[in-house]
């Protein structure tokens, strides 16, 4: 039972890390687009 709970927690952490990575990727692509002088979409 304890092992099952540990596996569930590990899956939640992995899913959270995946979401963090995805959010970071989207954020950095937006920052790069804003920082780029050639592309301006204001």
PDB file of N, CA and C in Angstrom:
ATOM      1  N   UNK A   1       0.840  -1.206   0.000  1.00  0.00           N
ATOM      2  CA  UNK A   1       0.000   0.000   0.000  1.00  0.00           C
ATOM      3  C   UNK A   1       0.873   1.253   0.000  1.00  0.00           C
ATOM      4  N   UNK A   2       1.930   1.242   0.814  1.00  0.00           N
ATOM      5  CA  UNK A   2       2.840   2.387   0.876  1.00  0.00           C
ATOM      6  C   UNK A   2       3.550   2.576  -0.462  1.00  0.00           C
ATOM      7  N   UNK A   3       3.925   1.464  -1.090  1.00  0.00           N
ATOM      8  CA  UNK A   3       4.604   1.537  -2.384  1.00  0.00           C
ATOM      9  C   UNK A   3       3.689   2.151  -3.436  1.00  0.00           C
ATOM     10  N   UNK A   4       2.397   1.786  -3.397  1.00  0.00           N
ATOM     11  CA  UNK A   4       1.430   2.333  -4.345  1.00  0.00           C
ATOM     12  C   UNK A   4       1.300   3.842  -4.176  1.00  0.00           C
ATOM     13  N   UNK A   5       1.274   4.295  -2.923  1.00  0.00           N
ATOM     14  CA  UNK A   5       1.187   5.736  -2.652  1.00  0.00           C
ATOM     15  C   UNK A   5       2.442   6.440  -3.176  1.00  0.00           C
ATOM     16  N   UNK A   6       3.596   5.816  -2.994  1.00  0.00           N
ATOM     17  CA  UNK A   6       4.854   6.408  -3.479  1.00  0.00           C
ATOM     18  C   UNK A   6       4.843   6.536  -4.996  1.00  0.00           C
ATOM     19  N   UNK A   7       4.335   5.501  -5.660  1.00  0.00           N
ATOM     20  CA  UNK A   7       4.260   5.523  -7.125  1.00  0.00           C
ATOM     21  C   UNK A   7       3.325   6.638  -7.588  1.00  0.00           C
ATOM     22  N   UNK A   8       2.196   6.805  -6.889  1.00  0.00           N
ATOM     23  CA  UNK A   8       1.255   7.875  -7.246  1.00  0.00           C
ATOM     24  C   UNK A   8       1.905   9.241  -7.100  1.00  0.00           C
ATOM     25  N   UNK A   9       2.623   9.455  -6.005  1.00  0.00           N
ATOM     26  CA  UNK A   9       3.306  10.732  -5.765  1.00  0.00           C
ATOM     27  C   UNK A   9       4.358  10.965  -6.844  1.00  0.00           C
ATOM     28  N   UNK A  10       5.092   9.913  -7.198  1.00  0.00           N
ATOM     29  CA  UNK A  10       6.122  10.037  -8.220  1.00  0.00           C
ATOM     30  C   UNK A  10       5.508  10.420  -9.565  1.00  0.00           C
ATOM     31  N   UNK A  11       4.358   9.804  -9.904  1.00  0.00           N
ATOM     32  CA  UNK A  11       3.679  10.129 -11.164  1.00  0.00           C
ATOM     33  C   UNK A  11       3.211  11.572 -11.173  1.00  0.00           C
ATOM     34  N   UNK A  12       2.698  12.047 -10.048  1.00  0.00           N
ATOM     35  CA  UNK A  12       2.238  13.438  -9.956  1.00  0.00           C
ATOM     36  C   UNK A  12       3.416  14.390 -10.140  1.00  0.00           C
ATOM     37  N   UNK A  13       4.547  14.068  -9.510  1.00  0.00           N
ATOM     38  CA  UNK A  13       5.739  14.914  -9.629  1.00  0.00           C
ATOM     39  C   UNK A  13       6.226  14.935 -11.081  1.00  0.00           C
ATOM     40  N   UNK A  14       6.247  13.792 -11.722  1.00  0.00           N
ATOM     41  CA  UNK A  14       6.694  13.711 -13.118  1.00  0.00           C
ATOM     42  C   UNK A  14       5.766  14.520 -14.025  1.00  0.00           C
ATOM     43  N   UNK A  15       4.455  14.418 -13.776  1.00  0.00           N
ATOM     44  CA  UNK A  15       3.494  15.170 -14.568  1.00  0.00           C
ATOM     45  C   UNK A  15       3.694  16.666 -14.356  1.00  0.00           C
ATOM     46  N   UNK A  16       3.931  17.059 -13.104  1.00  0.00           N
ATOM     47  CA  UNK A  16       4.160  18.472 -12.780  1.00  0.00           C
ATOM     48  C   UNK A  16       5.417  18.976 -13.479  1.00  0.00           C
ATOM     49  N   UNK A  17       6.483  18.154 -13.460  1.00  0.00           N
ATOM     50  CA  UNK A  17       7.727  18.557 -14.133  1.00  0.00           C
ATOM     51  C   UNK A  17       7.491  18.711 -15.630  1.00  0.00           C
ATOM     52  N   UNK A  18       6.678  17.837 -16.189  1.00  0.00           N
ATOM     53  CA  UNK A  18       6.358  17.931 -17.611  1.00  0.00           C
ATOM     54  C   UNK A  18       5.627  19.233 -17.927  1.00  0.00           C
ATOM     55  N   UNK A  19       4.670  19.596 -17.058  1.00  0.00           N
ATOM     56  CA  UNK A  19       3.934  20.849 -17.257  1.00  0.00           C
ATOM     57  C   UNK A  19       4.844  22.047 -17.095  1.00  0.00           C
ATOM     58  N   UNK A  20       5.759  21.982 -16.099  1.00  0.00           N
ATOM     59  CA  UNK A  20       6.707  23.074 -15.878  1.00  0.00           C
ATOM     60  C   UNK A  20       7.591  23.263 -17.115  1.00  0.00           C
ATOM     61  N   UNK A  21       8.042  22.148 -17.696  1.00  0.00           N
ATOM     62  CA  UNK A  21       8.893  22.207 -18.883  1.00  0.00           C
ATOM     63  C   UNK A  21       8.144  22.821 -20.063  1.00  0.00           C
ATOM     64  N   UNK A  22       6.881  22.394 -20.230  1.00  0.00           N
ATOM     65  CA  UNK A  22       6.066  22.923 -21.327  1.00  0.00           C
ATOM     66  C   UNK A  22       5.819  24.420 -21.156  1.00  0.00           C
ATOM     67  N   UNK A  23       5.480  24.825 -19.928  1.00  0.00           N
ATOM     68  CA  UNK A  23       5.234  26.247 -19.659  1.00  0.00           C
ATOM     69  C   UNK A  23       6.508  27.056 -19.876  1.00  0.00           C
ATOM     70  N   UNK A  24       7.644  26.518 -19.443  1.00  0.00           N
ATOM     71  CA  UNK A  24       8.921  27.197 -19.623  1.00  0.00           C
ATOM     72  C   UNK A  24       9.260  27.352 -21.102  1.00  0.00           C
ATOM     73  N   UNK A  25       8.973  26.321 -21.885  1.00  0.00           N
ATOM     74  CA  UNK A  25       9.256  26.378 -23.313  1.00  0.00           C
ATOM     75  C   UNK A  25       8.420  27.457 -23.991  1.00  0.00           C
ATOM     76  N   UNK A  26       7.126  27.511 -23.657  1.00  0.00           N
ATOM     77  CA  UNK A  26       6.232  28.527 -24.236  1.00  0.00           C
ATOM     78  C   UNK A  26       6.681  29.922 -23.811  1.00  0.00           C
ATOM     79  N   UNK A  27       7.033  30.050 -22.517  1.00  0.00           N
ATOM     80  CA  UNK A  27       7.470  31.345 -21.985  1.00  0.00           C
ATOM     81  C   UNK A  27       8.725  31.831 -22.687  1.00  0.00           C
ATOM     82  N   UNK A  28       9.721  30.934 -22.837  1.00  0.00           N
ATOM     83  CA  UNK A  28      10.973  31.344 -23.458  1.00  0.00           C
ATOM     84  C   UNK A  28      10.811  31.649 -24.940  1.00  0.00           C
ATOM     85  N   UNK A  29       9.898  30.939 -25.622  1.00  0.00           N
ATOM     86  CA  UNK A  29       9.661  31.257 -27.037  1.00  0.00           C
ATOM     87  C   UNK A  29       9.036  32.646 -27.166  1.00  0.00           C
ATOM     88  N   UNK A  30       8.155  33.006 -26.217  1.00  0.00           N
ATOM     89  CA  UNK A  30       7.560  34.347 -26.227  1.00  0.00           C
ATOM     90  C   UNK A  30       8.609  35.404 -25.932  1.00  0.00           C
ATOM     91  N   UNK A  31       9.488  35.134 -24.967  1.00  0.00           N
ATOM     92  CA  UNK A  31      10.543  36.092 -24.610  1.00  0.00           C
ATOM     93  C   UNK A  31      11.483  36.295 -25.791  1.00  0.00           C
ATOM     94  N   UNK A  32      11.853  35.209 -26.454  1.00  0.00           N
ATOM     95  CA  UNK A  32      12.747  35.319 -27.613  1.00  0.00           C
ATOM     96  C   UNK A  32      12.097  36.151 -28.712  1.00  0.00           C
ATOM     97  N   UNK A  33      10.793  35.942 -28.923  1.00  0.00           N
ATOM     98  CA  UNK A  33      10.087  36.694 -29.964  1.00  0.00           C
ATOM     99  C   UNK A  33      10.037  38.173 -29.604  1.00  0.00           C
ATOM    100  N   UNK A  34       9.819  38.472 -28.308  1.00  0.00           N
ATOM    101  CA  UNK A  34       9.772  39.866 -27.867  1.00  0.00           C
ATOM    102  C   UNK A  34      11.153  40.515 -27.949  1.00  0.00           C
ATOM    103  N   UNK A  35      12.191  39.737 -27.603  1.00  0.00           N
ATOM    104  CA  UNK A  35      13.546  40.280 -27.585  1.00  0.00           C
ATOM    105  C   UNK A  35      14.099  40.446 -29.005  1.00  0.00           C
ATOM    106  N   UNK A  36      13.570  39.682 -29.938  1.00  0.00           N
ATOM    107  CA  UNK A  36      14.064  39.764 -31.312  1.00  0.00           C
ATOM    108  C   UNK A  36      13.673  41.090 -31.953  1.00  0.00           C
ATOM    109  N   UNK A  37      14.643  41.845 -32.496  1.00  0.00           N
ATOM    110  CA  UNK A  37      14.348  43.144 -33.096  1.00  0.00           C
ATOM    111  C   UNK A  37      13.652  43.030 -34.459  1.00  0.00           C
ATOM    112  N   UNK A  38      13.826  41.892 -35.125  1.00  0.00           N
ATOM    113  CA  UNK A  38      13.267  41.745 -36.469  1.00  0.00           C
ATOM    114  C   UNK A  38      11.753  41.514 -36.428  1.00  0.00           C
ATOM    115  N   UNK A  39      11.289  40.793 -35.402  1.00  0.00           N
ATOM    116  CA  UNK A  39       9.859  40.493 -35.304  1.00  0.00           C
ATOM    117  C   UNK A  39       9.235  41.402 -34.254  1.00  0.00           C
ATOM    118  N   UNK A  40       8.298  42.211 -34.680  1.00  0.00           N
ATOM    119  CA  UNK A  40       7.605  43.104 -33.736  1.00  0.00           C
ATOM    120  C   UNK A  40       6.110  42.971 -33.952  1.00  0.00           C
ATOM    121  N   UNK A  41       5.426  42.347 -32.988  1.00  0.00           N
ATOM    122  CA  UNK A  41       3.962  42.259 -33.076  1.00  0.00           C
ATOM    123  C   UNK A  41       3.382  42.874 -31.808  1.00  0.00           C
ATOM    124  N   UNK A  42       3.252  44.192 -31.818  1.00  0.00           N
ATOM    125  CA  UNK A  42       2.725  44.919 -30.670  1.00  0.00           C
ATOM    126  C   UNK A  42       1.239  45.175 -30.894  1.00  0.00           C
TER     127      UNK A  42
END
